[in-house]
Protein backbone atom coordinates (compact mmCIF):
# COMPACT_ATOMS: atom_id res chain seq x y z
CA MET A 1 2.58 -3.26 -34.00
CA ASP A 2 6.25 -4.27 -34.16
CA ILE A 3 6.71 -7.38 -32.03
CA ASP A 4 10.49 -7.17 -32.52
CA LEU A 5 10.52 -4.13 -30.26
CA PHE A 6 9.26 -6.24 -27.37
CA VAL A 7 12.04 -8.74 -28.00
CA GLN A 8 14.64 -5.98 -28.20
CA TYR A 9 13.44 -4.05 -25.16
CA GLY A 10 12.08 -7.03 -23.23
CA PRO A 11 14.99 -7.14 -20.74
CA ILE A 12 14.71 -3.48 -19.72
CA LEU A 13 10.91 -3.70 -19.54
CA LEU A 14 11.22 -6.77 -17.31
CA CYS A 15 13.77 -4.93 -15.17
CA GLY A 16 11.35 -2.02 -14.87
CA LEU A 17 8.54 -4.38 -13.89
CA LEU A 18 10.69 -6.01 -11.20
CA ASN A 19 11.62 -2.60 -9.80
CA THR A 20 7.94 -1.62 -9.80
CA VAL A 21 7.00 -4.81 -7.96
CA LEU A 22 9.84 -4.32 -5.46
CA CYS A 23 8.86 -0.72 -4.72
CA TRP A 24 5.21 -1.68 -4.41
CA ILE A 25 5.78 -4.68 -2.12
CA VAL A 26 8.09 -2.83 0.28
CA GLY A 27 6.07 0.40 0.08
CA ALA A 28 2.72 -1.33 0.63
CA ALA A 29 4.04 -3.52 3.45
CA GLY A 30 5.60 -0.53 5.16
CA GLY A 31 2.43 1.50 4.66
CA VAL A 32 0.29 -1.27 6.13
CA ALA A 33 2.58 -1.63 9.16
CA LEU A 34 2.78 2.12 9.79
CA GLY A 35 -0.94 2.52 9.16
CA PHE A 36 -1.77 -0.21 11.67
CA VAL A 37 0.39 1.45 14.32
CA ILE A 38 -1.27 4.81 13.63
CA ALA A 39 -4.76 3.27 13.80
CA VAL A 40 -4.05 1.53 17.11
CA ALA A 41 -2.50 4.69 18.55
CA MET A 42 -5.51 6.74 17.48
CA TYR A 43 -7.94 4.18 18.86
CA TYR A 44 -6.25 3.55 22.22
CA GLY A 45 -3.91 6.53 22.62
CA PRO A 46 -4.36 9.77 24.56
CA ARG A 47 -6.15 12.72 23.01
CA PRO A 48 -3.04 14.86 22.26
CA LEU A 49 -1.48 11.98 20.32
CA ARG A 50 -4.70 11.48 18.38
CA TYR A 51 -4.70 15.15 17.37
CA VAL A 52 -1.13 14.89 16.09
CA LEU A 53 -1.86 11.73 14.11
CA ARG A 54 -5.07 13.20 12.72
CA GLY A 55 -3.05 16.19 11.50
CA TYR A 56 -0.56 13.86 9.81
CA ILE A 57 -3.36 11.94 8.09
CA GLU A 58 -5.09 15.07 6.84
CA VAL A 59 -1.88 16.65 5.51
CA ILE A 60 -0.78 13.53 3.61
CA ARG A 61 -4.25 12.76 2.24
CA GLY A 62 -4.75 16.40 1.29
CA THR A 63 -1.63 16.76 -0.87
CA PRO A 64 -0.74 15.00 -4.16
CA PHE A 65 1.76 12.17 -4.06
CA LEU A 66 3.83 13.93 -6.73
CA ILE A 67 4.39 16.95 -4.48
CA GLN A 68 5.21 14.74 -1.48
CA LEU A 69 7.78 12.86 -3.55
CA PHE A 70 9.37 16.06 -4.80
CA ILE A 71 9.65 17.44 -1.27
CA LEU A 72 11.12 14.17 0.03
CA TYR A 73 13.67 13.67 -2.76
CA TYR A 74 14.67 17.22 -3.63
CA GLY A 75 13.92 18.90 -0.31
CA GLY A 76 15.31 16.15 1.91
CA PRO A 77 18.97 17.21 1.49
CA ASN A 78 18.08 20.56 3.08
CA ILE A 79 17.51 18.74 6.37
CA GLY A 80 20.26 16.19 5.89
CA LEU A 81 18.09 13.46 4.36
CA ARG A 82 19.87 12.29 1.20
CA LEU A 83 18.29 9.27 -0.44
CA ASP A 84 18.94 7.41 -3.66
CA PRO A 85 15.97 7.26 -6.05
CA VAL A 86 14.75 3.77 -5.11
CA PRO A 87 14.84 4.26 -1.30
CA ALA A 88 13.24 7.67 -1.75
CA GLY A 89 10.48 6.15 -3.87
CA ILE A 90 9.81 3.38 -1.36
CA LEU A 91 9.77 5.79 1.57
CA GLY A 92 7.45 8.06 -0.39
CA LEU A 93 5.02 5.19 -0.97
CA ILE A 94 5.11 4.27 2.73
CA ILE A 95 4.38 7.84 3.79
CA TYR A 96 1.68 8.29 1.16
CA GLY A 97 -0.06 4.99 1.83
CA SER A 98 0.06 4.90 5.63
CA PRO A 99 -2.80 7.40 6.29
CA TYR A 100 -5.14 5.51 3.96
CA TYR A 101 -4.26 2.19 5.54
CA ALA A 102 -4.64 3.77 8.99
CA GLU A 103 -8.17 4.89 8.20
CA ILE A 104 -9.04 1.40 6.93
CA PHE A 105 -7.77 -0.20 10.14
CA ARG A 106 -9.43 2.45 12.31
CA ALA A 107 -12.78 1.73 10.65
CA GLY A 108 -12.14 -1.98 11.18
CA LEU A 109 -11.48 -1.45 14.88
CA GLN A 110 -14.66 0.55 15.24
CA ALA A 111 -16.56 -2.24 13.47
CA VAL A 112 -15.80 -4.72 16.26
CA PRO A 113 -19.02 -5.04 18.31
CA ARG A 114 -18.49 -3.81 21.86
CA GLY A 115 -20.86 -6.50 23.06
CA MET A 116 -18.50 -9.24 21.88
CA ILE A 117 -15.58 -7.66 23.73
CA GLU A 118 -17.66 -7.31 26.89
CA ALA A 119 -18.79 -10.91 26.52
CA GLY A 120 -15.15 -12.00 26.30
CA ARG A 121 -14.34 -10.10 29.47
CA ALA A 122 -17.36 -11.62 31.18
CA MET A 123 -15.94 -15.05 30.29
CA ALA A 124 -12.69 -14.06 32.06
CA MET A 125 -10.70 -13.82 28.84
CA SER A 126 -7.49 -11.86 29.08
CA GLU A 127 -7.11 -8.72 26.96
CA GLY A 128 -4.55 -10.55 24.85
CA THR A 129 -6.98 -13.39 24.19
CA ILE A 130 -9.76 -10.95 23.31
CA LEU A 131 -7.41 -9.20 20.91
CA ARG A 132 -6.32 -12.46 19.28
CA ARG A 133 -9.67 -14.27 19.12
CA ILE A 134 -12.17 -11.44 18.70
CA THR A 135 -10.73 -8.07 17.72
CA LEU A 136 -8.09 -9.06 15.16
CA PRO A 137 -10.18 -11.65 13.27
CA ILE A 138 -13.11 -9.24 12.90
CA LEU A 139 -10.71 -6.42 12.03
CA MET A 140 -9.09 -8.47 9.27
CA VAL A 141 -12.37 -9.63 7.77
CA SER A 142 -13.71 -6.09 7.52
CA SER A 143 -10.37 -4.64 6.37
CA VAL A 144 -9.19 -7.05 3.67
CA PRO A 145 -11.44 -5.76 0.81
CA PRO A 146 -10.54 -2.06 1.28
CA LEU A 147 -6.89 -2.99 1.89
CA THR A 148 -6.85 -4.84 -1.42
CA ASN A 149 -8.57 -1.96 -3.18
CA PHE A 150 -6.11 0.66 -1.97
CA SER A 151 -3.16 -1.63 -2.65
CA ILE A 152 -4.33 -1.77 -6.26
CA ILE A 153 -4.48 2.02 -6.34
CA LEU A 154 -0.95 2.14 -4.91
CA THR A 155 0.35 0.00 -7.79
CA LYS A 156 -0.60 2.74 -10.22
CA GLU A 157 0.97 5.41 -8.03
CA THR A 158 4.33 3.69 -8.58
CA ALA A 159 4.35 5.25 -12.05
CA ILE A 160 5.02 8.62 -10.40
CA LEU A 161 8.35 7.30 -9.10
CA SER A 162 9.80 7.81 -12.58
CA ILE A 163 9.78 11.55 -11.83
CA VAL A 164 12.69 11.04 -9.41
CA THR A 165 14.46 8.66 -11.85
CA VAL A 166 13.45 5.40 -10.18
CA PRO A 167 14.04 2.84 -12.99
CA GLU A 168 10.55 1.38 -12.70
CA LEU A 169 8.21 0.34 -15.49
CA LEU A 170 7.12 3.77 -16.76
CA TYR A 171 10.71 5.02 -16.74
CA GLN A 172 11.79 2.12 -18.95
CA VAL A 173 8.78 2.54 -21.22
CA GLN A 174 9.68 6.20 -21.66
CA THR A 175 13.21 5.14 -22.57
CA MET A 176 11.81 2.76 -25.17
CA SER A 177 9.56 5.48 -26.58
CA ALA A 178 12.35 8.06 -26.77
CA GLU A 179 14.68 5.71 -28.61
CA THR A 180 12.21 4.18 -31.07
CA PHE A 181 9.34 6.71 -31.30
CA ALA A 182 7.08 3.65 -30.99
CA TYR A 183 4.69 5.29 -28.56
CA MET A 184 1.78 2.96 -29.31
CA GLU A 185 3.79 -0.18 -28.62
CA ALA A 186 5.28 1.34 -25.48
CA MET A 187 1.92 2.38 -24.04
CA PHE A 188 0.43 -0.98 -24.93
CA ALA A 189 3.23 -2.74 -23.04
CA LEU A 190 2.74 -0.43 -20.05
CA ALA A 191 -1.01 -1.05 -19.93
CA LEU A 192 -0.52 -4.80 -20.32
CA PHE A 193 1.99 -5.03 -17.48
CA TYR A 194 -0.13 -2.97 -15.09
CA TRP A 195 -3.28 -4.90 -15.98
CA GLY A 196 -1.54 -8.20 -15.20
CA PHE A 197 -0.12 -6.81 -11.96
CA VAL A 198 -3.53 -5.62 -10.80
CA GLU A 199 -5.14 -8.96 -11.65
CA VAL A 200 -2.58 -10.81 -9.53
CA ILE A 201 -3.23 -8.50 -6.56
CA SER A 202 -7.00 -8.89 -6.97
CA TRP A 203 -6.66 -12.68 -7.01
CA ALA A 204 -4.46 -12.63 -3.90
CA GLY A 205 -6.95 -10.32 -2.16
CA ARG A 206 -9.84 -12.69 -2.86
CA LYS A 207 -7.86 -15.65 -1.54
CA LEU A 208 -6.92 -13.74 1.60
CA GLU A 209 -10.53 -12.72 2.14
CA LEU A 210 -11.66 -16.35 1.98
CA LYS A 211 -8.96 -17.40 4.44
CA THR A 212 -9.79 -14.63 6.92
CA ASN A 213 -13.49 -15.49 6.77
CA ALA A 214 -12.68 -19.14 7.46
CA PHE A 215 -10.35 -18.15 10.30
CA LEU A 216 -13.02 -15.92 11.86
CA SER A 217 -15.60 -18.69 11.72
CA LYS A 218 -13.15 -21.08 13.36
CA GLU A 219 -12.17 -18.65 16.12
CA LEU A 220 -15.74 -17.64 16.99
CA SER A 221 -16.96 -21.22 17.04
CA ALA A 222 -14.07 -22.48 19.20
């Protein structure tokens, strides 16, 4: 394995990694936010709205991300939506991730014991207080592990963004491979970067889980 290649192509690989991290952070954050809104709307909203949102979830979950990205990037101009590669990639990740995040939050909402909510109302708590001190803490505790798991999956989906020329990690690795024919070194670098990225997310997820558990214990004992 030629270490000099990593020195020569280190800057573009680092640039690709930063673009991957940027797309993932914005895409995951947007997906979480949109997914939470969808979950709340499905849980509290009227039946017609729930049907529409259920249709959205089933369509997005039932089609590959690659096809969704192609339709968004290459089909968007047909309806006046013209996006550069990076914004298109980020928007694609948000759209793709939101139904999965929505289902995670919906399951978390359903996991909140009705008896605890009724007990809060019996103690004359306002709906806002019940939401803050009962519903959201329990929701977060039950949702953090699956949220972390899907966020890890979403990191690997960022590799598909290279199809629409987003200069992320795989795109730069392919450039390195095409110019040097050093496919082994390029794939090794790709695997190493993604492994490190996933480990960081896993560590952050474990820390967040500990904090949410501590917060729940504090809120329920107050």
